Amino acid sequence: VKPFFGDTSEIAHDPEIDMVVVAVNAPYMKKALMPETDAKKDFFIEWPNGISLDEAEIADAAR
């Protein structure tokens, strides 16, 4: 397991990383996870994917 702290867009473009676990509060989920969905990375989220319909667009982006 390769730990990482910082900008999630760097994680999204790392070819050694296949899956990302995101454990941030709902208001930060979209910003943290959208680079991974754009890069087609698999992911697991610990919190709900948003607190509004707008923030819940993560589900659509992951399809």
PDB file of N, CA and C in Angstrom:
ATOM      1  N   VAL A   1       0.850  -1.179   0.000  1.00  0.00           N
ATOM      2  CA  VAL A   1       0.000   0.000   0.000  1.00  0.00           C
ATOM      3  C   VAL A   1       0.887   1.230   0.000  1.00  0.00           C
ATOM      4  N   LYS A   2       0.594   2.128  -0.896  1.00  0.00           N
ATOM      5  CA  LYS A   2       1.379   3.349  -1.026  1.00  0.00           C
ATOM      6  C   LYS A   2       0.586   4.507  -0.411  1.00  0.00           C
ATOM      7  N   PRO A   3       0.990   4.999   0.776  1.00  0.00           N
ATOM      8  CA  PRO A   3       0.257   6.131   1.363  1.00  0.00           C
ATOM      9  C   PRO A   3       0.524   7.415   0.595  1.00  0.00           C
ATOM     10  N   PHE A   4      -0.438   8.312   0.631  1.00  0.00           N
ATOM     11  CA  PHE A   4      -0.287   9.574  -0.085  1.00  0.00           C
ATOM     12  C   PHE A   4      -1.058  10.662   0.632  1.00  0.00           C
ATOM     13  N   PHE A   5      -0.465  11.823   0.710  1.00  0.00           N
ATOM     14  CA  PHE A   5      -1.129  12.981   1.300  1.00  0.00           C
ATOM     15  C   PHE A   5      -0.911  14.161   0.378  1.00  0.00           C
ATOM     16  N   GLY A   6      -1.970  14.861   0.042  1.00  0.00           N
ATOM     17  CA  GLY A   6      -1.819  16.021  -0.829  1.00  0.00           C
ATOM     18  C   GLY A   6      -2.894  16.091  -1.885  1.00  0.00           C
ATOM     19  N   ASP A   7      -2.528  16.590  -3.027  1.00  0.00           N
ATOM     20  CA  ASP A   7      -3.454  16.837  -4.128  1.00  0.00           C
ATOM     21  C   ASP A   7      -3.893  15.516  -4.770  1.00  0.00           C
ATOM     22  N   THR A   8      -5.193  15.270  -4.803  1.00  0.00           N
ATOM     23  CA  THR A   8      -5.675  14.004  -5.343  1.00  0.00           C
ATOM     24  C   THR A   8      -5.513  13.889  -6.853  1.00  0.00           C
ATOM     25  N   SER A   9      -5.282  14.988  -7.540  1.00  0.00           N
ATOM     26  CA  SER A   9      -5.051  14.879  -8.983  1.00  0.00           C
ATOM     27  C   SER A   9      -3.719  14.182  -9.263  1.00  0.00           C
ATOM     28  N   GLU A  10      -2.774  14.286  -8.351  1.00  0.00           N
ATOM     29  CA  GLU A  10      -1.511  13.557  -8.500  1.00  0.00           C
ATOM     30  C   GLU A  10      -1.745  12.058  -8.351  1.00  0.00           C
ATOM     31  N   ILE A  11      -2.614  11.688  -7.428  1.00  0.00           N
ATOM     32  CA  ILE A  11      -2.951  10.280  -7.235  1.00  0.00           C
ATOM     33  C   ILE A  11      -3.620   9.733  -8.494  1.00  0.00           C
ATOM     34  N   ALA A  12      -4.510  10.512  -9.065  1.00  0.00           N
ATOM     35  CA  ALA A  12      -5.277  10.075 -10.236  1.00  0.00           C
ATOM     36  C   ALA A  12      -4.382   9.743 -11.418  1.00  0.00           C
ATOM     37  N   HIS A  13      -3.259  10.391 -11.521  1.00  0.00           N
ATOM     38  CA  HIS A  13      -2.373  10.182 -12.668  1.00  0.00           C
ATOM     39  C   HIS A  13      -1.169   9.293 -12.362  1.00  0.00           C
ATOM     40  N   ASP A  14      -1.162   8.676 -11.182  1.00  0.00           N
ATOM     41  CA  ASP A  14      -0.082   7.760 -10.813  1.00  0.00           C
ATOM     42  C   ASP A  14      -0.414   6.369 -11.358  1.00  0.00           C
ATOM     43  N   PRO A  15       0.362   5.858 -12.309  1.00  0.00           N
ATOM     44  CA  PRO A  15       0.047   4.560 -12.913  1.00  0.00           C
ATOM     45  C   PRO A  15       0.199   3.378 -11.954  1.00  0.00           C
ATOM     46  N   GLU A  16       0.876   3.567 -10.830  1.00  0.00           N
ATOM     47  CA  GLU A  16       1.040   2.492  -9.859  1.00  0.00           C
ATOM     48  C   GLU A  16      -0.172   2.333  -8.952  1.00  0.00           C
ATOM     49  N   ILE A  17      -1.086   3.281  -8.975  1.00  0.00           N
ATOM     50  CA  ILE A  17      -2.256   3.241  -8.099  1.00  0.00           C
ATOM     51  C   ILE A  17      -3.472   2.800  -8.903  1.00  0.00           C
ATOM     52  N   ASP A  18      -4.090   1.689  -8.459  1.00  0.00           N
ATOM     53  CA  ASP A  18      -5.266   1.150  -9.136  1.00  0.00           C
ATOM     54  C   ASP A  18      -6.564   1.553  -8.451  1.00  0.00           C
ATOM     55  N   MET A  19      -6.512   1.691  -7.127  1.00  0.00           N
ATOM     56  CA  MET A  19      -7.716   1.979  -6.350  1.00  0.00           C
ATOM     57  C   MET A  19      -7.406   3.020  -5.293  1.00  0.00           C
ATOM     58  N   VAL A  20      -8.395   3.866  -5.017  1.00  0.00           N
ATOM     59  CA  VAL A  20      -8.233   4.948  -4.054  1.00  0.00           C
ATOM     60  C   VAL A  20      -9.301   4.812  -2.973  1.00  0.00           C
ATOM     61  N   VAL A  21      -8.897   4.968  -1.719  1.00  0.00           N
ATOM     62  CA  VAL A  21      -9.838   5.034  -0.605  1.00  0.00           C
ATOM     63  C   VAL A  21      -9.889   6.480  -0.157  1.00  0.00           C
ATOM     64  N   VAL A  22     -11.083   7.054  -0.162  1.00  0.00           N
ATOM     65  CA  VAL A  22     -11.251   8.455   0.219  1.00  0.00           C
ATOM     66  C   VAL A  22     -12.077   8.499   1.499  1.00  0.00           C
ATOM     67  N   ALA A  23     -11.509   9.064   2.549  1.00  0.00           N
ATOM     68  CA  ALA A  23     -12.179   9.153   3.844  1.00  0.00           C
ATOM     69  C   ALA A  23     -12.170  10.605   4.308  1.00  0.00           C
ATOM     70  N   VAL A  24     -12.986  11.413   3.652  1.00  0.00           N
ATOM     71  CA  VAL A  24     -13.136  12.816   4.031  1.00  0.00           C
ATOM     72  C   VAL A  24     -14.615  13.090   4.258  1.00  0.00           C
ATOM     73  N   ASN A  25     -14.926  14.152   4.983  1.00  0.00           N
ATOM     74  CA  ASN A  25     -16.319  14.518   5.215  1.00  0.00           C
ATOM     75  C   ASN A  25     -17.003  14.902   3.911  1.00  0.00           C
ATOM     76  N   ALA A  26     -18.317  14.744   3.874  1.00  0.00           N
ATOM     77  CA  ALA A  26     -19.108  14.957   2.658  1.00  0.00           C
ATOM     78  C   ALA A  26     -18.833  16.281   1.944  1.00  0.00           C
ATOM     79  N   PRO A  27     -18.676  17.407   2.631  1.00  0.00           N
ATOM     80  CA  PRO A  27     -18.441  18.658   1.897  1.00  0.00           C
ATOM     81  C   PRO A  27     -17.148  18.669   1.072  1.00  0.00           C
ATOM     82  N   TYR A  28     -16.212  17.788   1.384  1.00  0.00           N
ATOM     83  CA  TYR A  28     -14.927  17.744   0.682  1.00  0.00           C
ATOM     84  C   TYR A  28     -14.843  16.603  -0.331  1.00  0.00           C
ATOM     85  N   MET A  29     -15.864  15.757  -0.368  1.00  0.00           N
ATOM     86  CA  MET A  29     -15.820  14.549  -1.188  1.00  0.00           C
ATOM     87  C   MET A  29     -15.665  14.855  -2.675  1.00  0.00           C
ATOM     88  N   LYS A  30     -16.464  15.761  -3.200  1.00  0.00           N
ATOM     89  CA  LYS A  30     -16.432  16.039  -4.641  1.00  0.00           C
ATOM     90  C   LYS A  30     -15.045  16.490  -5.092  1.00  0.00           C
ATOM     91  N   LYS A  31     -14.468  17.431  -4.379  1.00  0.00           N
ATOM     92  CA  LYS A  31     -13.145  17.938  -4.757  1.00  0.00           C
ATOM     93  C   LYS A  31     -12.082  16.840  -4.661  1.00  0.00           C
ATOM     94  N   ALA A  32     -12.203  15.992  -3.657  1.00  0.00           N
ATOM     95  CA  ALA A  32     -11.207  14.939  -3.464  1.00  0.00           C
ATOM     96  C   ALA A  32     -11.336  13.818  -4.487  1.00  0.00           C
ATOM     97  N   LEU A  33     -12.549  13.534  -4.932  1.00  0.00           N
ATOM     98  CA  LEU A  33     -12.770  12.338  -5.735  1.00  0.00           C
ATOM     99  C   LEU A  33     -12.919  12.558  -7.232  1.00  0.00           C
ATOM    100  N   MET A  34     -13.283  13.734  -7.675  1.00  0.00           N
ATOM    101  CA  MET A  34     -13.504  13.943  -9.107  1.00  0.00           C
ATOM    102  C   MET A  34     -12.272  13.650  -9.974  1.00  0.00           C
ATOM    103  N   PRO A  35     -11.053  13.994  -9.546  1.00  0.00           N
ATOM    104  CA  PRO A  35      -9.898  13.624 -10.386  1.00  0.00           C
ATOM    105  C   PRO A  35      -9.778  12.108 -10.577  1.00  0.00           C
ATOM    106  N   GLU A  36     -10.140  11.331  -9.547  1.00  0.00           N
ATOM    107  CA  GLU A  36     -10.061   9.874  -9.658  1.00  0.00           C
ATOM    108  C   GLU A  36     -11.131   9.334 -10.600  1.00  0.00           C
ATOM    109  N   THR A  37     -12.326   9.887 -10.550  1.00  0.00           N
ATOM    110  CA  THR A  37     -13.370   9.416 -11.466  1.00  0.00           C
ATOM    111  C   THR A  37     -13.017   9.784 -12.903  1.00  0.00           C
ATOM    112  N   ASP A  38     -12.453  10.962 -13.108  1.00  0.00           N
ATOM    113  CA  ASP A  38     -12.034  11.363 -14.457  1.00  0.00           C
ATOM    114  C   ASP A  38     -10.948  10.437 -15.009  1.00  0.00           C
ATOM    115  N   ALA A  39     -10.082   9.949 -14.117  1.00  0.00           N
ATOM    116  CA  ALA A  39      -8.993   9.054 -14.521  1.00  0.00           C
ATOM    117  C   ALA A  39      -9.428   7.586 -14.544  1.00  0.00           C
ATOM    118  N   LYS A  40     -10.710   7.337 -14.274  1.00  0.00           N
ATOM    119  CA  LYS A  40     -11.279   5.975 -14.288  1.00  0.00           C
ATOM    120  C   LYS A  40     -10.640   5.051 -13.257  1.00  0.00           C
ATOM    121  N   LYS A  41     -10.242   5.623 -12.101  1.00  0.00           N
ATOM    122  CA  LYS A  41      -9.707   4.809 -11.011  1.00  0.00           C
ATOM    123  C   LYS A  41     -10.872   4.194 -10.237  1.00  0.00           C
ATOM    124  N   ASP A  42     -10.671   2.999  -9.716  1.00  0.00           N
ATOM    125  CA  ASP A  42     -11.632   2.423  -8.791  1.00  0.00           C
ATOM    126  C   ASP A  42     -11.490   3.158  -7.472  1.00  0.00           C
ATOM    127  N   PHE A  43     -12.593   3.245  -6.717  1.00  0.00           N
ATOM    128  CA  PHE A  43     -12.515   3.954  -5.445  1.00  0.00           C
ATOM    129  C   PHE A  43     -13.512   3.400  -4.447  1.00  0.00           C
ATOM    130  N   PHE A  44     -13.223   3.657  -3.185  1.00  0.00           N
ATOM    131  CA  PHE A  44     -14.111   3.358  -2.071  1.00  0.00           C
ATOM    132  C   PHE A  44     -14.249   4.635  -1.281  1.00  0.00           C
ATOM    133  N   ILE A  45     -15.488   5.021  -0.957  1.00  0.00           N
ATOM    134  CA  ILE A  45     -15.692   6.208  -0.129  1.00  0.00           C
ATOM    135  C   ILE A  45     -16.342   5.794   1.181  1.00  0.00           C
ATOM    136  N   GLU A  46     -15.839   6.370   2.269  1.00  0.00           N
ATOM    137  CA  GLU A  46     -16.302   6.012   3.598  1.00  0.00           C
ATOM    138  C   GLU A  46     -17.550   6.797   3.998  1.00  0.00           C
ATOM    139  N   TRP A  47     -17.676   8.003   3.533  1.00  0.00           N
ATOM    140  CA  TRP A  47     -18.796   8.877   3.876  1.00  0.00           C
ATOM    141  C   TRP A  47     -19.781   8.921   2.715  1.00  0.00           C
ATOM    142  N   PRO A  48     -20.972   9.489   2.933  1.00  0.00           N
ATOM    143  CA  PRO A  48     -21.880   9.712   1.797  1.00  0.00           C
ATOM    144  C   PRO A  48     -21.178  10.572   0.747  1.00  0.00           C
ATOM    145  N   ASN A  49     -21.591  10.423  -0.504  1.00  0.00           N
ATOM    146  CA  ASN A  49     -20.878  11.121  -1.575  1.00  0.00           C
ATOM    147  C   ASN A  49     -21.271  12.575  -1.723  1.00  0.00           C
ATOM    148  N   GLY A  50     -22.085  13.093  -0.840  1.00  0.00           N
ATOM    149  CA  GLY A  50     -22.425  14.509  -0.890  1.00  0.00           C
ATOM    150  C   GLY A  50     -23.587  14.836   0.025  1.00  0.00           C
ATOM    151  N   ILE A  51     -23.794  16.123   0.230  1.00  0.00           N
ATOM    152  CA  ILE A  51     -24.907  16.548   1.076  1.00  0.00           C
ATOM    153  C   ILE A  51     -25.995  17.239   0.260  1.00  0.00           C
ATOM    154  N   SER A  52     -25.848  17.216  -1.056  1.00  0.00           N
ATOM    155  CA  SER A  52     -26.858  17.798  -1.941  1.00  0.00           C
ATOM    156  C   SER A  52     -26.842  17.032  -3.262  1.00  0.00           C
ATOM    157  N   LEU A  53     -27.852  17.247  -4.093  1.00  0.00           N
ATOM    158  CA  LEU A  53     -27.874  16.586  -5.399  1.00  0.00           C
ATOM    159  C   LEU A  53     -26.698  17.012  -6.262  1.00  0.00           C
ATOM    160  N   ASP A  54     -26.308  18.279  -6.165  1.00  0.00           N
ATOM    161  CA  ASP A  54     -25.173  18.768  -6.947  1.00  0.00           C
ATOM    162  C   ASP A  54     -23.893  18.030  -6.570  1.00  0.00           C
ATOM    163  N   GLU A  55     -23.670  17.854  -5.281  1.00  0.00           N
ATOM    164  CA  GLU A  55     -22.469  17.150  -4.837  1.00  0.00           C
ATOM    165  C   GLU A  55     -22.537  15.661  -5.153  1.00  0.00           C
ATOM    166  N   ALA A  56     -23.726  15.124  -5.280  1.00  0.00           N
ATOM    167  CA  ALA A  56     -23.886  13.697  -5.551  1.00  0.00           C
ATOM    168  C   ALA A  56     -23.576  13.341  -7.001  1.00  0.00           C
ATOM    169  N   GLU A  57     -23.134  14.287  -7.803  1.00  0.00           N
ATOM    170  CA  GLU A  57     -22.786  13.997  -9.194  1.00  0.00           C
ATOM    171  C   GLU A  57     -21.619  13.024  -9.306  1.00  0.00           C
ATOM    172  N   ILE A  58     -20.964  12.735  -8.198  1.00  0.00           N
ATOM    173  CA  ILE A  58     -19.884  11.753  -8.194  1.00  0.00           C
ATOM    174  C   ILE A  58     -20.404  10.414  -8.717  1.00  0.00           C
ATOM    175  N   ALA A  59     -21.623  10.054  -8.339  1.00  0.00           N
ATOM    176  CA  ALA A  59     -22.202   8.785  -8.789  1.00  0.00           C
ATOM    177  C   ALA A  59     -22.321   8.751 -10.306  1.00  0.00           C
ATOM    178  N   ASP A  60     -22.743   9.842 -10.917  1.00  0.00           N
ATOM    179  CA  ASP A  60     -22.838   9.898 -12.378  1.00  0.00           C
ATOM    180  C   ASP A  60     -21.457   9.867 -13.026  1.00  0.00           C
ATOM    181  N   ALA A  61     -20.503  10.541 -12.429  1.00  0.00           N
ATOM    182  CA  ALA A  61     -19.153  10.596 -12.994  1.00  0.00           C
ATOM    183  C   ALA A  61     -18.474   9.231 -12.954  1.00  0.00           C
ATOM    184  N   ALA A  62     -18.847   8.417 -11.988  1.00  0.00           N
ATOM    185  CA  ALA A  62     -18.214   7.113 -11.828  1.00  0.00           C
ATOM    186  C   ALA A  62     -18.739   6.071 -12.811  1.00  0.00           C
ATOM    187  N   ARG A  63     -19.818   6.360 -13.495  1.00  0.00           N
ATOM    188  CA  ARG A  63     -20.413   5.365 -14.417  1.00  0.00           C
ATOM    189  C   ARG A  63     -19.638   5.207 -15.673  1.00  0.00           C
TER     190      ARG A  63
END
